[in-house]
Amino acid sequence: MKEFYNVLIYVGLFVNILGFILMYVDKQKAIKHQWRISENTLMLVAALFGSFGVYGGMLVFRHKTKHLKFKILVPILIIIHLVIINYTFSHKI
């Protein structure tokens, strides 16, 4: 069972790093007026437990911080993810 929790941790780290990198790439593309990563893709990564990375990217790169969808949904996803993570690791599902 320990291996299962290790996999969860590694997958969580990967998804959050991916979310952070996607926010950086999208910001750079916005600056250069190039093709962008869709908001739906960014929100999907956030919803799939990448909310910490996406939110970190919002703060560090000052990206999507004026978009109401991101200002509201990403922090809500963080709270939901914290509850799920706490429940999962405290109850050893």
PDB file of N, CA and C in Angstrom:
ATOM      1  N   MET A   1       0.821  -1.196   0.000  1.00  0.00           N
ATOM      2  CA  MET A   1       0.000   0.000   0.000  1.00  0.00           C
ATOM      3  C   MET A   1       0.863   1.257   0.000  1.00  0.00           C
ATOM      4  N   LYS A   2       2.063   1.141   0.575  1.00  0.00           N
ATOM      5  CA  LYS A   2       2.958   2.292   0.611  1.00  0.00           C
ATOM      6  C   LYS A   2       3.323   2.742  -0.797  1.00  0.00           C
ATOM      7  N   GLU A   3       3.496   1.762  -1.707  1.00  0.00           N
ATOM      8  CA  GLU A   3       3.832   2.099  -3.084  1.00  0.00           C
ATOM      9  C   GLU A   3       2.725   2.921  -3.732  1.00  0.00           C
ATOM     10  N   PHE A   4       1.477   2.605  -3.396  1.00  0.00           N
ATOM     11  CA  PHE A   4       0.332   3.339  -3.938  1.00  0.00           C
ATOM     12  C   PHE A   4       0.407   4.812  -3.552  1.00  0.00           C
ATOM     13  N   TYR A   5       0.715   5.084  -2.298  1.00  0.00           N
ATOM     14  CA  TYR A   5       0.811   6.471  -1.838  1.00  0.00           C
ATOM     15  C   TYR A   5       2.012   7.179  -2.462  1.00  0.00           C
ATOM     16  N   ASN A   6       3.099   6.449  -2.663  1.00  0.00           N
ATOM     17  CA  ASN A   6       4.253   7.042  -3.344  1.00  0.00           C
ATOM     18  C   ASN A   6       3.895   7.436  -4.776  1.00  0.00           C
ATOM     19  N   VAL A   7       3.149   6.573  -5.458  1.00  0.00           N
ATOM     20  CA  VAL A   7       2.715   6.884  -6.823  1.00  0.00           C
ATOM     21  C   VAL A   7       1.830   8.127  -6.816  1.00  0.00           C
ATOM     22  N   LEU A   8       0.906   8.214  -5.861  1.00  0.00           N
ATOM     23  CA  LEU A   8       0.045   9.399  -5.760  1.00  0.00           C
ATOM     24  C   LEU A   8       0.870  10.669  -5.584  1.00  0.00           C
ATOM     25  N   ILE A   9       1.880  10.594  -4.753  1.00  0.00           N
ATOM     26  CA  ILE A   9       2.734  11.765  -4.505  1.00  0.00           C
ATOM     27  C   ILE A   9       3.479  12.157  -5.778  1.00  0.00           C
ATOM     28  N   TYR A  10       4.062  11.181  -6.467  1.00  0.00           N
ATOM     29  CA  TYR A  10       4.817  11.485  -7.690  1.00  0.00           C
ATOM     30  C   TYR A  10       3.915  12.018  -8.803  1.00  0.00           C
ATOM     31  N   VAL A  11       2.748  11.429  -8.949  1.00  0.00           N
ATOM     32  CA  VAL A  11       1.807  11.916  -9.963  1.00  0.00           C
ATOM     33  C   VAL A  11       1.366  13.335  -9.618  1.00  0.00           C
ATOM     34  N   GLY A  12       1.093  13.580  -8.340  1.00  0.00           N
ATOM     35  CA  GLY A  12       0.709  14.924  -7.910  1.00  0.00           C
ATOM     36  C   GLY A  12       1.798  15.943  -8.187  1.00  0.00           C
ATOM     37  N   LEU A  13       3.031  15.584  -7.898  1.00  0.00           N
ATOM     38  CA  LEU A  13       4.149  16.490  -8.189  1.00  0.00           C
ATOM     39  C   LEU A  13       4.264  16.756  -9.686  1.00  0.00           C
ATOM     40  N   PHE A  14       4.143  15.703 -10.478  1.00  0.00           N
ATOM     41  CA  PHE A  14       4.245  15.852 -11.933  1.00  0.00           C
ATOM     42  C   PHE A  14       3.168  16.789 -12.473  1.00  0.00           C
ATOM     43  N   VAL A  15       1.920  16.577 -12.046  1.00  0.00           N
ATOM     44  CA  VAL A  15       0.813  17.390 -12.556  1.00  0.00           C
ATOM     45  C   VAL A  15       0.977  18.849 -12.138  1.00  0.00           C
ATOM     46  N   ASN A  16       1.468  19.091 -10.926  1.00  0.00           N
ATOM     47  CA  ASN A  16       1.653  20.468 -10.473  1.00  0.00           C
ATOM     48  C   ASN A  16       2.815  21.152 -11.183  1.00  0.00           C
ATOM     49  N   ILE A  17       3.879  20.425 -11.420  1.00  0.00           N
ATOM     50  CA  ILE A  17       4.993  20.990 -12.197  1.00  0.00           C
ATOM     51  C   ILE A  17       4.521  21.282 -13.619  1.00  0.00           C
ATOM     52  N   LEU A  18       3.737  20.376 -14.188  1.00  0.00           N
ATOM     53  CA  LEU A  18       3.175  20.587 -15.519  1.00  0.00           C
ATOM     54  C   LEU A  18       2.308  21.847 -15.547  1.00  0.00           C
ATOM     55  N   GLY A  19       1.450  22.018 -14.546  1.00  0.00           N
ATOM     56  CA  GLY A  19       0.600  23.206 -14.480  1.00  0.00           C
ATOM     57  C   GLY A  19       1.405  24.482 -14.396  1.00  0.00           C
ATOM     58  N   PHE A  20       2.457  24.466 -13.599  1.00  0.00           N
ATOM     59  CA  PHE A  20       3.334  25.629 -13.450  1.00  0.00           C
ATOM     60  C   PHE A  20       4.018  25.962 -14.779  1.00  0.00           C
ATOM     61  N   ILE A  21       4.538  24.931 -15.445  1.00  0.00           N
ATOM     62  CA  ILE A  21       5.219  25.127 -16.729  1.00  0.00           C
ATOM     63  C   ILE A  21       4.240  25.618 -17.795  1.00  0.00           C
ATOM     64  N   LEU A  22       3.040  25.059 -17.821  1.00  0.00           N
ATOM     65  CA  LEU A  22       2.049  25.503 -18.805  1.00  0.00           C
ATOM     66  C   LEU A  22       1.692  26.970 -18.616  1.00  0.00           C
ATOM     67  N   MET A  23       1.609  27.419 -17.377  1.00  0.00           N
ATOM     68  CA  MET A  23       1.327  28.837 -17.127  1.00  0.00           C
ATOM     69  C   MET A  23       2.478  29.695 -17.644  1.00  0.00           C
ATOM     70  N   TYR A  24       3.707  29.245 -17.452  1.00  0.00           N
ATOM     71  CA  TYR A  24       4.872  29.980 -17.959  1.00  0.00           C
ATOM     72  C   TYR A  24       4.852  30.044 -19.487  1.00  0.00           C
ATOM     73  N   VAL A  25       4.638  28.888 -20.112  1.00  0.00           N
ATOM     74  CA  VAL A  25       4.637  28.829 -21.574  1.00  0.00           C
ATOM     75  C   VAL A  25       3.526  29.710 -22.135  1.00  0.00           C
ATOM     76  N   ASP A  26       2.342  29.645 -21.543  1.00  0.00           N
ATOM     77  CA  ASP A  26       1.234  30.462 -22.033  1.00  0.00           C
ATOM     78  C   ASP A  26       1.522  31.946 -21.860  1.00  0.00           C
ATOM     79  N   LYS A  27       2.147  32.319 -20.767  1.00  0.00           N
ATOM     80  CA  LYS A  27       2.510  33.726 -20.548  1.00  0.00           C
ATOM     81  C   LYS A  27       3.503  34.189 -21.618  1.00  0.00           C
ATOM     82  N   GLN A  28       4.505  33.367 -21.902  1.00  0.00           N
ATOM     83  CA  GLN A  28       5.488  33.737 -22.916  1.00  0.00           C
ATOM     84  C   GLN A  28       4.839  33.870 -24.293  1.00  0.00           C
ATOM     85  N   LYS A  29       3.930  32.958 -24.600  1.00  0.00           N
ATOM     86  CA  LYS A  29       3.233  33.026 -25.880  1.00  0.00           C
ATOM     87  C   LYS A  29       2.335  34.257 -25.951  1.00  0.00           C
ATOM     88  N   ALA A  30       1.750  34.647 -24.828  1.00  0.00           N
ATOM     89  CA  ALA A  30       0.911  35.852 -24.797  1.00  0.00           C
ATOM     90  C   ALA A  30       1.759  37.095 -25.063  1.00  0.00           C
ATOM     91  N   ILE A  31       2.938  37.130 -24.481  1.00  0.00           N
ATOM     92  CA  ILE A  31       3.839  38.274 -24.674  1.00  0.00           C
ATOM     93  C   ILE A  31       4.234  38.402 -26.142  1.00  0.00           C
ATOM     94  N   LYS A  32       4.468  37.245 -26.793  1.00  0.00           N
ATOM     95  CA  LYS A  32       4.923  37.234 -28.189  1.00  0.00           C
ATOM     96  C   LYS A  32       3.771  37.194 -29.194  1.00  0.00           C
ATOM     97  N   HIS A  33       2.535  37.276 -28.701  1.00  0.00           N
ATOM     98  CA  HIS A  33       1.340  37.243 -29.558  1.00  0.00           C
ATOM     99  C   HIS A  33       1.311  35.992 -30.431  1.00  0.00           C
ATOM    100  N   GLN A  34       1.635  34.853 -29.821  1.00  0.00           N
ATOM    101  CA  GLN A  34       1.638  33.578 -30.532  1.00  0.00           C
ATOM    102  C   GLN A  34       0.423  32.752 -30.131  1.00  0.00           C
ATOM    103  N   TRP A  35       0.316  31.574 -30.760  1.00  0.00           N
ATOM    104  CA  TRP A  35      -0.721  30.612 -30.421  1.00  0.00           C
ATOM    105  C   TRP A  35      -0.652  30.317 -28.926  1.00  0.00           C
ATOM    106  N   ARG A  36      -1.814  30.246 -28.277  1.00  0.00           N
ATOM    107  CA  ARG A  36      -1.868  30.106 -26.823  1.00  0.00           C
ATOM    108  C   ARG A  36      -2.394  28.742 -26.400  1.00  0.00           C
ATOM    109  N   ILE A  37      -2.106  28.399 -25.172  1.00  0.00           N
ATOM    110  CA  ILE A  37      -2.690  27.220 -24.543  1.00  0.00           C
ATOM    111  C   ILE A  37      -4.101  27.622 -24.119  1.00  0.00           C
ATOM    112  N   SER A  38      -5.085  26.794 -24.427  1.00  0.00           N
ATOM    113  CA  SER A  38      -6.467  27.172 -24.144  1.00  0.00           C
ATOM    114  C   SER A  38      -6.717  27.231 -22.634  1.00  0.00           C
ATOM    115  N   GLU A  39      -7.630  28.112 -22.253  1.00  0.00           N
ATOM    116  CA  GLU A  39      -8.002  28.220 -20.843  1.00  0.00           C
ATOM    117  C   GLU A  39      -8.592  26.911 -20.350  1.00  0.00           C
ATOM    118  N   ASN A  40      -9.306  26.200 -21.225  1.00  0.00           N
ATOM    119  CA  ASN A  40      -9.874  24.912 -20.828  1.00  0.00           C
ATOM    120  C   ASN A  40      -8.781  23.907 -20.479  1.00  0.00           C
ATOM    121  N   THR A  41      -7.691  23.917 -21.222  1.00  0.00           N
ATOM    122  CA  THR A  41      -6.573  23.020 -20.922  1.00  0.00           C
ATOM    123  C   THR A  41      -5.951  23.372 -19.581  1.00  0.00           C
ATOM    124  N   LEU A  42      -5.738  24.658 -19.341  1.00  0.00           N
ATOM    125  CA  LEU A  42      -5.161  25.090 -18.068  1.00  0.00           C
ATOM    126  C   LEU A  42      -6.075  24.719 -16.902  1.00  0.00           C
ATOM    127  N   MET A  43      -7.386  24.901 -17.086  1.00  0.00           N
ATOM    128  CA  MET A  43      -8.327  24.554 -16.019  1.00  0.00           C
ATOM    129  C   MET A  43      -8.408  23.046 -15.822  1.00  0.00           C
ATOM    130  N   LEU A  44      -8.284  22.282 -16.900  1.00  0.00           N
ATOM    131  CA  LEU A  44      -8.294  20.824 -16.783  1.00  0.00           C
ATOM    132  C   LEU A  44      -7.107  20.348 -15.957  1.00  0.00           C
ATOM    133  N   VAL A  45      -5.936  20.889 -16.227  1.00  0.00           N
ATOM    134  CA  VAL A  45      -4.746  20.523 -15.445  1.00  0.00           C
ATOM    135  C   VAL A  45      -4.952  20.905 -13.979  1.00  0.00           C
ATOM    136  N   ALA A  46      -5.520  22.074 -13.743  1.00  0.00           N
ATOM    137  CA  ALA A  46      -5.795  22.499 -12.365  1.00  0.00           C
ATOM    138  C   ALA A  46      -6.781  21.544 -11.698  1.00  0.00           C
ATOM    139  N   ALA A  47      -7.808  21.133 -12.422  1.00  0.00           N
ATOM    140  CA  ALA A  47      -8.822  20.239 -11.862  1.00  0.00           C
ATOM    141  C   ALA A  47      -8.266  18.847 -11.585  1.00  0.00           C
ATOM    142  N   LEU A  48      -7.285  18.425 -12.368  1.00  0.00           N
ATOM    143  CA  LEU A  48      -6.681  17.097 -12.186  1.00  0.00           C
ATOM    144  C   LEU A  48      -5.528  17.160 -11.183  1.00  0.00           C
ATOM    145  N   PHE A  49      -5.761  17.839 -10.096  1.00  0.00           N
ATOM    146  CA  PHE A  49      -4.841  17.981  -8.966  1.00  0.00           C
ATOM    147  C   PHE A  49      -3.599  18.799  -9.284  1.00  0.00           C
ATOM    148  N   GLY A  50      -3.650  19.629 -10.316  1.00  0.00           N
ATOM    149  CA  GLY A  50      -2.548  20.532 -10.626  1.00  0.00           C
ATOM    150  C   GLY A  50      -2.833  21.954 -10.176  1.00  0.00           C
ATOM    151  N   SER A  51      -3.795  22.115  -9.284  1.00  0.00           N
ATOM    152  CA  SER A  51      -4.222  23.456  -8.869  1.00  0.00           C
ATOM    153  C   SER A  51      -3.114  24.233  -8.169  1.00  0.00           C
ATOM    154  N   PHE A  52      -2.277  23.555  -7.412  1.00  0.00           N
ATOM    155  CA  PHE A  52      -1.191  24.247  -6.711  1.00  0.00           C
ATOM    156  C   PHE A  52      -0.184  24.823  -7.711  1.00  0.00           C
ATOM    157  N   GLY A  53       0.158  24.043  -8.725  1.00  0.00           N
ATOM    158  CA  GLY A  53       1.094  24.503  -9.746  1.00  0.00           C
ATOM    159  C   GLY A  53       0.525  25.621 -10.596  1.00  0.00           C
ATOM    160  N   VAL A  54      -0.742  25.494 -10.974  1.00  0.00           N
ATOM    161  CA  VAL A  54      -1.381  26.540 -11.775  1.00  0.00           C
ATOM    162  C   VAL A  54      -1.465  27.830 -10.969  1.00  0.00           C
ATOM    163  N   TYR A  55      -1.849  27.722  -9.704  1.00  0.00           N
ATOM    164  CA  TYR A  55      -1.950  28.922  -8.866  1.00  0.00           C
ATOM    165  C   TYR A  55      -0.569  29.545  -8.648  1.00  0.00           C
ATOM    166  N   GLY A  56       0.431  28.713  -8.435  1.00  0.00           N
ATOM    167  CA  GLY A  56       1.800  29.219  -8.310  1.00  0.00           C
ATOM    168  C   GLY A  56       2.232  29.944  -9.568  1.00  0.00           C
ATOM    169  N   GLY A  57       1.893  29.386 -10.734  1.00  0.00           N
ATOM    170  CA  GLY A  57       2.197  30.044 -11.999  1.00  0.00           C
ATOM    171  C   GLY A  57       1.464  31.360 -12.152  1.00  0.00           C
ATOM    172  N   MET A  58       0.232  31.410 -11.666  1.00  0.00           N
ATOM    173  CA  MET A  58      -0.523  32.666 -11.709  1.00  0.00           C
ATOM    174  C   MET A  58       0.204  33.749 -10.926  1.00  0.00           C
ATOM    175  N   LEU A  59       0.685  33.393  -9.758  1.00  0.00           N
ATOM    176  CA  LEU A  59       1.335  34.381  -8.890  1.00  0.00           C
ATOM    177  C   LEU A  59       2.726  34.760  -9.387  1.00  0.00           C
ATOM    178  N   VAL A  60       3.526  33.766  -9.724  1.00  0.00           N
ATOM    179  CA  VAL A  60       4.913  34.019 -10.121  1.00  0.00           C
ATOM    180  C   VAL A  60       4.988  34.766 -11.449  1.00  0.00           C
ATOM    181  N   PHE A  61       4.174  34.355 -12.417  1.00  0.00           N
ATOM    182  CA  PHE A  61       4.252  34.940 -13.759  1.00  0.00           C
ATOM    183  C   PHE A  61       3.217  36.038 -13.996  1.00  0.00           C
ATOM    184  N   ARG A  62       2.412  36.323 -12.985  1.00  0.00           N
ATOM    185  CA  ARG A  62       1.322  37.314 -13.103  1.00  0.00           C
ATOM    186  C   ARG A  62       0.482  37.034 -14.340  1.00  0.00           C
ATOM    187  N   HIS A  63       0.031  35.806 -14.410  1.00  0.00           N
ATOM    188  CA  HIS A  63      -0.699  35.353 -15.595  1.00  0.00           C
ATOM    189  C   HIS A  63      -2.084  34.872 -15.195  1.00  0.00           C
ATOM    190  N   LYS A  64      -3.091  35.327 -15.899  1.00  0.00           N
ATOM    191  CA  LYS A  64      -4.498  34.972 -15.680  1.00  0.00           C
ATOM    192  C   LYS A  64      -5.021  35.482 -14.342  1.00  0.00           C
ATOM    193  N   THR A  65      -4.346  36.410 -13.727  1.00  0.00           N
ATOM    194  CA  THR A  65      -4.761  36.903 -12.411  1.00  0.00           C
ATOM    195  C   THR A  65      -5.958  37.839 -12.484  1.00  0.00           C
ATOM    196  N   LYS A  66      -6.271  38.352 -13.661  1.00  0.00           N
ATOM    197  CA  LYS A  66      -7.433  39.230 -13.811  1.00  0.00           C
ATOM    198  C   LYS A  66      -8.657  38.484 -14.339  1.00  0.00           C
ATOM    199  N   HIS A  67      -8.479  37.230 -14.680  1.00  0.00           N
ATOM    200  CA  HIS A  67      -9.587  36.427 -15.192  1.00  0.00           C
ATOM    201  C   HIS A  67     -10.376  35.862 -14.015  1.00  0.00           C
ATOM    202  N   LEU A  68     -11.646  36.234 -13.937  1.00  0.00           N
ATOM    203  CA  LEU A  68     -12.487  35.830 -12.816  1.00  0.00           C
ATOM    204  C   LEU A  68     -12.538  34.312 -12.660  1.00  0.00           C
ATOM    205  N   LYS A  69     -12.577  33.610 -13.796  1.00  0.00           N
ATOM    206  CA  LYS A  69     -12.632  32.147 -13.750  1.00  0.00           C
ATOM    207  C   LYS A  69     -11.433  31.583 -12.988  1.00  0.00           C
ATOM    208  N   PHE A  70     -10.266  32.114 -13.241  1.00  0.00           N
ATOM    209  CA  PHE A  70      -9.056  31.622 -12.586  1.00  0.00           C
ATOM    210  C   PHE A  70      -8.961  32.125 -11.148  1.00  0.00           C
ATOM    211  N   LYS A  71      -9.352  33.369 -10.920  1.00  0.00           N
ATOM    212  CA  LYS A  71      -9.281  33.945  -9.570  1.00  0.00           C
ATOM    213  C   LYS A  71     -10.179  33.206  -8.590  1.00  0.00           C
ATOM    214  N   ILE A  72     -11.294  32.670  -9.076  1.00  0.00           N
ATOM    215  CA  ILE A  72     -12.242  31.998  -8.188  1.00  0.00           C
ATOM    216  C   ILE A  72     -12.062  30.482  -8.197  1.00  0.00           C
ATOM    217  N   LEU A  73     -12.020  29.887  -9.387  1.00  0.00           N
ATOM    218  CA  LEU A  73     -12.018  28.426  -9.471  1.00  0.00           C
ATOM    219  C   LEU A  73     -10.731  27.773  -8.983  1.00  0.00           C
ATOM    220  N   VAL A  74      -9.595  28.347  -9.291  1.00  0.00           N
ATOM    221  CA  VAL A  74      -8.336  27.703  -8.886  1.00  0.00           C
ATOM    222  C   VAL A  74      -8.203  27.650  -7.359  1.00  0.00           C
ATOM    223  N   PRO A  75      -8.463  28.738  -6.616  1.00  0.00           N
ATOM    224  CA  PRO A  75      -8.423  28.613  -5.150  1.00  0.00           C
ATOM    225  C   PRO A  75      -9.464  27.628  -4.597  1.00  0.00           C
ATOM    226  N   ILE A  76     -10.645  27.568  -5.221  1.00  0.00           N
ATOM    227  CA  ILE A  76     -11.646  26.585  -4.790  1.00  0.00           C
ATOM    228  C   ILE A  76     -11.124  25.175  -5.027  1.00  0.00           C
ATOM    229  N   LEU A  77     -10.491  24.953  -6.173  1.00  0.00           N
ATOM    230  CA  LEU A  77      -9.905  23.638  -6.451  1.00  0.00           C
ATOM    231  C   LEU A  77      -8.814  23.293  -5.447  1.00  0.00           C
ATOM    232  N   ILE A  78      -8.029  24.278  -5.039  1.00  0.00           N
ATOM    233  CA  ILE A  78      -6.993  24.031  -4.032  1.00  0.00           C
ATOM    234  C   ILE A  78      -7.627  23.541  -2.738  1.00  0.00           C
ATOM    235  N   ILE A  79      -8.695  24.184  -2.313  1.00  0.00           N
ATOM    236  CA  ILE A  79      -9.376  23.773  -1.078  1.00  0.00           C
ATOM    237  C   ILE A  79      -9.922  22.359  -1.225  1.00  0.00           C
ATOM    238  N   ILE A  80     -10.576  22.085  -2.340  1.00  0.00           N
ATOM    239  CA  ILE A  80     -11.115  20.737  -2.576  1.00  0.00           C
ATOM    240  C   ILE A  80      -9.995  19.706  -2.579  1.00  0.00           C
ATOM    241  N   HIS A  81      -8.891  20.020  -3.234  1.00  0.00           N
ATOM    242  CA  HIS A  81      -7.770  19.078  -3.298  1.00  0.00           C
ATOM    243  C   HIS A  81      -7.150  18.856  -1.926  1.00  0.00           C
ATOM    244  N   LEU A  82      -7.047  19.909  -1.130  1.00  0.00           N
ATOM    245  CA  LEU A  82      -6.516  19.747   0.230  1.00  0.00           C
ATOM    246  C   LEU A  82      -7.408  18.833   1.065  1.00  0.00           C
ATOM    247  N   VAL A  83      -8.711  18.975   0.929  1.00  0.00           N
ATOM    248  CA  VAL A  83      -9.641  18.111   1.664  1.00  0.00           C
ATOM    249  C   VAL A  83      -9.478  16.661   1.216  1.00  0.00           C
ATOM    250  N   ILE A  84      -9.414  16.438  -0.091  1.00  0.00           N
ATOM    251  CA  ILE A  84      -9.257  15.073  -0.614  1.00  0.00           C
ATOM    252  C   ILE A  84      -7.922  14.473  -0.187  1.00  0.00           C
ATOM    253  N   ILE A  85      -6.858  15.246  -0.277  1.00  0.00           N
ATOM    254  CA  ILE A  85      -5.534  14.760   0.126  1.00  0.00           C
ATOM    255  C   ILE A  85      -5.516  14.428   1.611  1.00  0.00           C
ATOM    256  N   ASN A  86      -6.068  15.307   2.427  1.00  0.00           N
ATOM    257  CA  ASN A  86      -6.118  15.062   3.868  1.00  0.00           C
ATOM    258  C   ASN A  86      -6.909  13.795   4.173  1.00  0.00           C
ATOM    259  N   TYR A  87      -8.054  13.645   3.549  1.00  0.00           N
ATOM    260  CA  TYR A  87      -8.882  12.466   3.788  1.00  0.00           C
ATOM    261  C   TYR A  87      -8.161  11.196   3.336  1.00  0.00           C
ATOM    262  N   THR A  88      -7.567  11.238   2.157  1.00  0.00           N
ATOM    263  CA  THR A  88      -6.893  10.062   1.605  1.00  0.00           C
ATOM    264  C   THR A  88      -5.742   9.602   2.493  1.00  0.00           C
ATOM    265  N   PHE A  89      -4.918  10.540   2.931  1.00  0.00           N
ATOM    266  CA  PHE A  89      -3.740  10.147   3.704  1.00  0.00           C
ATOM    267  C   PHE A  89      -4.045   9.918   5.177  1.00  0.00           C
ATOM    268  N   SER A  90      -5.125  10.488   5.693  1.00  0.00           N
ATOM    269  CA  SER A  90      -5.446  10.258   7.102  1.00  0.00           C
ATOM    270  C   SER A  90      -6.269   8.991   7.296  1.00  0.00           C
ATOM    271  N   HIS A  91      -6.991   8.566   6.273  1.00  0.00           N
ATOM    272  CA  HIS A  91      -7.815   7.366   6.385  1.00  0.00           C
ATOM    273  C   HIS A  91      -7.204   6.164   5.678  1.00  0.00           C
ATOM    274  N   LYS A  92      -6.062   6.351   5.068  1.00  0.00           N
ATOM    275  CA  LYS A  92      -5.348   5.257   4.385  1.00  0.00           C
ATOM    276  C   LYS A  92      -6.295   4.437   3.512  1.00  0.00           C
ATOM    277  N   ILE A  93      -6.901   5.126   2.572  1.00  0.00           N
ATOM    278  CA  ILE A  93      -7.848   4.466   1.662  1.00  0.00           C
ATOM    279  C   ILE A  93      -7.117   3.400   0.865  1.00  0.00           C
TER     280      ILE A  93
END
